[in-house]
Protein backbone atom coordinates (compact mmCIF):
# COMPACT_ATOMS: atom_id res chain seq x y z
CA UNK A 1 2.60 57.69 70.25
CA UNK A 2 5.64 57.68 72.47
CA UNK A 3 3.56 56.13 75.25
CA UNK A 4 2.41 53.41 72.94
CA UNK A 5 5.98 52.49 72.04
CA UNK A 6 6.95 52.29 75.69
CA UNK A 7 4.05 49.98 76.40
CA UNK A 8 5.01 47.82 73.46
CA UNK A 9 8.60 47.68 74.73
CA UNK A 10 7.49 46.66 78.23
CA UNK A 11 5.18 44.01 76.88
CA UNK A 12 7.97 42.41 74.81
CA UNK A 13 10.59 42.37 77.62
CA UNK A 14 8.37 41.08 80.44
CA UNK A 15 8.55 37.37 79.47
CA UNK A 16 12.29 37.64 79.12
CA UNK A 17 12.58 39.10 82.62
CA UNK A 18 10.40 36.37 84.02
CA UNK A 19 12.48 33.72 82.24
CA UNK A 20 15.75 35.10 83.56
CA UNK A 21 14.36 35.29 87.06
CA UNK A 22 13.07 31.72 86.90
CA UNK A 23 16.40 30.56 85.58
CA UNK A 24 18.25 32.19 88.46
CA UNK A 25 15.82 30.69 90.96
CA UNK A 26 16.32 27.23 89.38
CA UNK A 27 20.12 27.54 89.57
CA UNK A 28 19.86 28.69 93.17
CA UNK A 29 17.69 25.71 94.02
CA UNK A 30 20.13 23.29 92.37
CA UNK A 31 23.03 24.81 94.28
CA UNK A 32 21.08 24.60 97.51
CA UNK A 33 20.21 20.95 96.80
CA UNK A 34 23.86 20.16 96.19
CA UNK A 35 24.85 21.83 99.43
CA UNK A 36 22.15 19.97 101.29
CA UNK A 37 23.29 16.68 99.73
CA UNK A 38 26.90 17.32 100.62
CA UNK A 39 25.90 18.28 104.15
CA UNK A 40 23.72 15.19 104.48
CA UNK A 41 26.54 12.96 103.25
CA UNK A 42 28.94 14.60 105.66
CA UNK A 43 26.55 14.07 108.54
CA UNK A 44 25.99 10.47 107.42
CA UNK A 45 29.68 9.65 107.30
CA UNK A 46 30.54 11.45 110.52
CA UNK A 47 27.68 9.73 112.35
CA UNK A 48 29.07 6.23 111.65
CA UNK A 49 32.07 4.74 113.48
CA UNK A 50 33.94 1.58 112.46
CA UNK A 51 34.97 -0.66 115.34
CA UNK A 52 37.85 -2.85 114.18
CA UNK A 53 38.71 -6.36 115.43
CA UNK A 54 40.58 -6.16 118.72
CA UNK A 55 38.66 -3.05 119.81
CA UNK A 56 35.46 -2.15 121.63
CA UNK A 57 33.52 1.09 121.40
CA UNK A 58 31.43 3.14 123.83
CA UNK A 59 29.19 6.16 123.26
CA UNK A 60 29.66 9.32 125.26
CA UNK A 61 26.58 11.55 124.94
CA UNK A 62 26.64 15.11 126.35
CA UNK A 63 29.58 14.13 128.55
CA UNK A 64 27.98 10.99 129.96
CA UNK A 65 29.54 7.61 129.13
CA UNK A 66 27.09 4.91 128.18
CA UNK A 67 27.72 1.48 129.80
CA UNK A 68 26.94 -0.45 126.63
CA UNK A 69 29.98 -1.96 124.91
CA UNK A 70 29.99 -2.21 121.09
CA UNK A 71 32.12 -4.86 119.38
CA UNK A 72 33.61 -4.85 115.87
CA UNK A 73 31.38 -3.44 113.11
CA UNK A 74 29.76 -0.17 111.97
CA UNK A 75 28.06 1.83 114.74
CA UNK A 76 25.81 4.82 114.04
CA UNK A 77 25.56 7.83 116.38
CA UNK A 78 24.63 11.51 116.42
CA UNK A 79 27.87 13.43 115.90
CA UNK A 80 26.37 16.68 117.26
CA UNK A 81 25.96 15.39 120.81
CA UNK A 82 27.70 11.98 120.86
CA UNK A 83 31.34 10.87 120.69
CA UNK A 84 32.48 7.30 120.05
CA UNK A 85 35.36 6.18 122.31
CA UNK A 86 37.42 3.18 121.15
CA UNK A 87 39.45 1.00 123.54
CA UNK A 88 41.84 -1.79 122.40
CA UNK A 89 41.23 -5.19 123.97
CA UNK A 90 44.04 -7.07 122.17
CA UNK A 91 47.27 -7.94 123.97
CA UNK A 92 49.41 -4.82 124.39
CA UNK A 93 53.14 -4.61 125.10
CA UNK A 94 54.77 -1.96 127.30
CA UNK A 95 58.56 -1.69 127.19
CA UNK A 96 60.16 -0.39 130.40
CA UNK A 97 63.80 0.33 131.27
CA UNK A 98 64.16 0.22 135.04
CA UNK A 99 66.81 -0.06 137.74
CA UNK A 100 65.74 -2.93 139.99
CA UNK A 101 66.92 -2.95 143.61
CA UNK A 102 68.38 -6.19 144.99
CA UNK A 103 68.70 -7.71 148.43
CA UNK A 104 72.45 -7.05 148.50
CA UNK A 105 71.95 -3.32 147.83
CA UNK A 106 72.83 -3.25 144.14
CA UNK A 107 70.79 -1.63 141.36
CA UNK A 108 70.38 -3.90 138.37
CA UNK A 109 69.51 -2.29 135.04
CA UNK A 110 66.88 -4.26 133.21
CA UNK A 111 64.74 -4.06 130.07
CA UNK A 112 61.28 -5.40 130.85
CA UNK A 113 58.18 -6.15 128.77
CA UNK A 114 54.68 -6.08 130.27
CA UNK A 115 52.06 -7.98 128.29
CA UNK A 116 48.51 -7.08 129.29
CA UNK A 117 45.00 -6.73 127.91
CA UNK A 118 41.67 -5.19 128.96
CA UNK A 119 38.57 -7.23 129.68
CA UNK A 120 35.88 -5.94 127.26
CA UNK A 121 33.19 -5.74 129.93
CA UNK A 122 35.42 -3.57 132.12
CA UNK A 123 36.22 -1.00 129.42
CA UNK A 124 33.48 1.54 130.47
CA UNK A 125 34.56 1.50 134.13
CA UNK A 126 38.25 1.86 133.17
CA UNK A 127 37.54 4.90 130.97
CA UNK A 128 35.20 6.54 133.50
CA UNK A 129 37.27 5.81 136.64
CA UNK A 130 40.85 5.99 135.32
CA UNK A 131 40.76 7.68 131.93
CA UNK A 132 42.25 6.94 128.57
CA UNK A 133 45.87 7.23 129.80
CA UNK A 134 45.45 4.16 132.02
CA UNK A 135 48.87 2.78 131.09
CA UNK A 136 50.76 5.60 132.76
CA UNK A 137 48.28 6.16 135.57
CA UNK A 138 47.77 2.58 136.73
CA UNK A 139 49.74 -0.13 134.94
CA UNK A 140 53.22 1.40 135.07
CA UNK A 141 52.72 2.71 138.61
CA UNK A 142 51.66 -0.70 139.88
CA UNK A 143 54.49 -2.40 137.97
CA UNK A 144 57.20 -0.17 139.47
CA UNK A 145 55.91 -0.85 142.97
CA UNK A 146 55.60 -4.61 142.40
CA UNK A 147 59.04 -4.90 140.76
CA UNK A 148 60.75 -3.03 143.61
CA UNK A 149 58.96 -5.11 146.25
CA UNK A 150 59.75 -8.48 144.64
CA UNK A 151 63.33 -7.83 143.50
CA UNK A 152 64.35 -6.50 146.90
CA UNK A 153 63.89 -10.06 148.25
CA UNK A 154 66.37 -11.57 145.79
CA UNK A 155 70.13 -11.28 145.36
CA UNK A 156 71.41 -9.57 142.23
CA UNK A 157 72.88 -12.84 140.95
CA UNK A 158 69.42 -14.46 141.17
CA UNK A 159 68.20 -12.21 138.36
CA UNK A 160 70.99 -13.61 136.18
CA UNK A 161 70.28 -17.28 136.86
CA UNK A 162 67.32 -19.67 136.83
CA UNK A 163 65.55 -17.64 139.53
CA UNK A 164 64.60 -15.11 136.88
CA UNK A 165 61.43 -17.05 136.03
CA UNK A 166 60.38 -17.01 139.69
CA UNK A 167 60.92 -13.23 139.86
CA UNK A 168 58.81 -12.71 136.73
CA UNK A 169 55.99 -14.85 138.14
CA UNK A 170 55.94 -13.08 141.49
CA UNK A 171 55.87 -9.62 139.85
CA UNK A 172 52.94 -10.67 137.67
CA UNK A 173 51.00 -12.10 140.62
CA UNK A 174 51.65 -8.93 142.65
CA UNK A 175 50.29 -6.79 139.80
CA UNK A 176 47.23 -8.99 139.30
CA UNK A 177 46.21 -8.57 142.95
CA UNK A 178 45.76 -4.86 142.23
CA UNK A 179 44.89 -4.66 138.55
CA UNK A 180 42.70 -7.74 138.27
CA UNK A 181 39.74 -6.17 140.06
CA UNK A 182 40.01 -3.09 137.86
CA UNK A 183 39.51 -5.06 134.66
CA UNK A 184 43.11 -5.64 133.53
CA UNK A 185 44.68 -9.01 132.73
CA UNK A 186 48.48 -9.11 133.08
CA UNK A 187 49.55 -12.02 130.89
CA UNK A 188 53.32 -11.94 131.39
CA UNK A 189 56.17 -9.91 132.82
CA UNK A 190 59.41 -10.62 130.93
CA UNK A 191 62.89 -9.63 132.11
CA UNK A 192 64.38 -9.37 128.63
CA UNK A 193 67.87 -8.21 129.55
CA UNK A 194 69.78 -7.91 132.81
CA UNK A 195 72.86 -5.72 133.16
CA UNK A 196 74.80 -6.49 136.34
CA UNK A 197 77.88 -4.66 137.62
CA UNK A 198 80.98 -5.91 135.80
CA UNK A 199 82.63 -7.42 138.89
CA UNK A 200 79.51 -9.33 139.87
CA UNK A 201 79.02 -10.60 136.33
CA UNK A 202 82.55 -12.05 136.28
CA UNK A 203 82.08 -13.67 139.69
CA UNK A 204 78.81 -15.27 138.61
CA UNK A 205 80.36 -16.59 135.40
CA UNK A 206 83.28 -18.10 137.32
CA UNK A 207 80.89 -19.73 139.78
CA UNK A 208 78.81 -21.17 136.93
CA UNK A 209 81.95 -22.56 135.29
CA UNK A 210 83.02 -24.15 138.59
CA UNK A 211 79.57 -25.70 139.04
CA UNK A 212 79.66 -27.09 135.51
CA UNK A 213 83.14 -28.54 136.13
CA UNK A 214 81.94 -30.15 139.37
CA UNK A 215 78.95 -31.64 137.59
CA UNK A 216 81.22 -32.99 134.85
CA UNK A 217 83.55 -34.57 137.44
CA UNK A 218 80.57 -36.10 139.24
CA UNK A 219 79.43 -37.54 135.94
CA UNK A 220 82.88 -39.04 135.32
CA UNK A 221 82.93 -40.60 138.80
CA UNK A 222 79.49 -42.05 138.30
CA UNK A 223 80.50 -43.45 134.93
CA UNK A 224 83.62 -45.12 136.41
CA UNK A 225 81.51 -46.62 139.19
CA UNK A 226 79.09 -48.02 136.65
CA UNK A 227 81.99 -49.42 134.58
CA UNK A 228 83.49 -51.07 137.67
CA UNK A 229 80.12 -52.55 138.50
CA UNK A 230 79.80 -53.86 134.94
CA UNK A 231 83.23 -55.52 135.11
CA UNK A 232 82.37 -57.04 138.48
CA UNK A 233 79.17 -58.50 137.08
CA UNK A 234 81.04 -59.77 134.02
CA UNK A 235 83.72 -61.44 136.16
CA UNK A 236 81.08 -63.01 138.37
CA UNK A 237 79.35 -64.38 135.28
CA UNK A 238 82.60 -65.86 133.95
CA UNK A 239 83.34 -67.43 137.35
CA UNK A 240 79.88 -68.95 137.57
CA UNK A 241 80.21 -70.30 134.04
CA UNK A 242 83.56 -71.90 134.87
CA UNK A 243 82.13 -73.44 138.01
CA UNK A 244 79.26 -74.91 136.05
CA UNK A 245 81.65 -76.29 133.42
CA UNK A 246 83.98 -77.68 136.09
CA UNK A 247 81.12 -79.38 137.92
CA UNK A 248 79.85 -80.97 134.71
CA UNK A 249 83.28 -81.94 133.30
CA UNK A 250 84.06 -85.50 134.45
CA UNK A 251 87.02 -87.73 133.59
CA UNK A 252 84.86 -89.79 131.26
CA UNK A 253 83.91 -86.67 129.29
CA UNK A 254 87.55 -85.63 129.01
CA UNK A 255 88.46 -89.05 127.68
CA UNK A 256 85.61 -88.92 125.20
CA UNK A 257 86.70 -85.50 123.95
CA UNK A 258 90.26 -86.79 123.55
CA UNK A 259 89.03 -89.75 121.51
CA UNK A 260 87.03 -87.42 119.28
CA UNK A 261 90.12 -85.26 118.75
CA UNK A 262 92.23 -88.29 117.81
CA UNK A 263 89.57 -89.40 115.35
CA UNK A 264 89.64 -86.00 113.66
CA UNK A 265 93.40 -86.18 113.38
CA UNK A 266 93.25 -89.68 111.98
CA UNK A 267 90.88 -88.61 109.25
CA UNK A 268 93.17 -85.82 108.14
CA UNK A 269 95.22 -86.39 104.99
CA UNK A 270 98.24 -84.53 106.34
CA UNK A 271 101.24 -86.05 108.09
CA UNK A 272 100.60 -86.53 111.81
CA UNK A 273 102.74 -87.09 114.88
CA UNK A 274 100.80 -87.95 118.04
CA UNK A 275 102.67 -88.27 121.34
CA UNK A 276 100.88 -89.34 124.54
CA UNK A 277 102.03 -89.98 128.07
CA UNK A 278 100.45 -93.39 128.07
CA UNK A 279 97.54 -92.28 130.21
CA UNK A 280 95.45 -90.58 127.52
CA UNK A 281 92.76 -92.64 125.81
CA UNK A 282 93.91 -94.05 122.51
CA UNK A 283 92.15 -95.93 119.74
CA UNK A 284 93.90 -99.25 118.99
CA UNK A 285 93.40 -101.11 115.75
CA UNK A 286 91.42 -104.34 116.34
CA UNK A 287 94.34 -106.33 114.93
CA UNK A 288 96.54 -105.14 117.81
CA UNK A 289 97.84 -107.96 120.02
CA UNK A 290 95.51 -108.52 122.98
CA UNK A 291 96.49 -109.52 126.47
CA UNK A 292 96.39 -113.23 126.96
CA UNK A 293 93.07 -114.40 128.26
CA UNK A 294 91.49 -110.92 128.16
CA UNK A 295 89.64 -108.66 125.74
CA UNK A 296 91.85 -105.67 126.54
CA UNK A 297 94.58 -104.50 124.23
CA UNK A 298 98.10 -104.20 125.51
CA UNK A 299 98.54 -100.68 126.90
CA UNK A 300 102.11 -99.48 126.66
CA UNK A 301 103.50 -97.17 129.30
CA UNK A 302 104.64 -94.67 126.69
CA UNK A 303 103.32 -94.59 123.13
CA UNK A 304 104.50 -92.69 120.11
CA UNK A 305 102.47 -92.94 116.93
CA UNK A 306 103.83 -91.63 113.70
CA UNK A 307 101.66 -91.59 110.64
CA UNK A 308 102.58 -90.39 107.23
CA UNK A 309 100.73 -90.52 103.98
CA UNK A 310 102.78 -91.05 100.94
């Protein structure tokens, strides 16, 4: 009887045991699926690189750099054996504080900006031949050499005057002769600030002031010369006008103008006193006594005409 009870007990608990075991297996499978999903997502995200604008990317697989250049966008790769290397191709700025030697043996402190960029097609060769620290290895080394070579041909005061642009251009050209074939493009070299010795700075400022004063005096002299020339031309014009008037002014015209003036006076309603020397033309009233046997009026030697309106 006891055996029968045991059998009955085992028969009733067997389905429960199977159920519990199946439940544990199901939970284990769900957990495993979650882990696999998480792992798959992690692999998916880590196997995709985003190349931003102004950058290029290259794949390095098992230590070997691929020559293909990838531009902006999403790039997939195997993260277990491949690394994505990004290189900026936008214009970069390097700030340098440097003591520049001059032809007269002075050291001029200067703050300089180097504007450069990398040619996209040359990015693989730059990374493989130079490395990722190319600024320190190549660009700054070449710049220091070029700056020392160029500035040593100029006086210290030249860096403070208009020759600064020429110095910047020559440094850039010197750098491009070396860096251009390596895939770098040096856009500009800018001498932002120049700090000369105090005594030299004062001497240069005094010289510039003297040059400005000389230019101002030269301008004043030139202006006075132009004014004298203008007055000479004006006087010549007045003289020519007077000559023309004198040549065209005859005695008959003078007499005619005098007659016209007398007529204007005669027509005026104001009191008038006209005195002539007897030689000026004069209008005589037709009723004036005429010379006997002629049509000419009597011409007095001295005439005074007084007219008054009452």
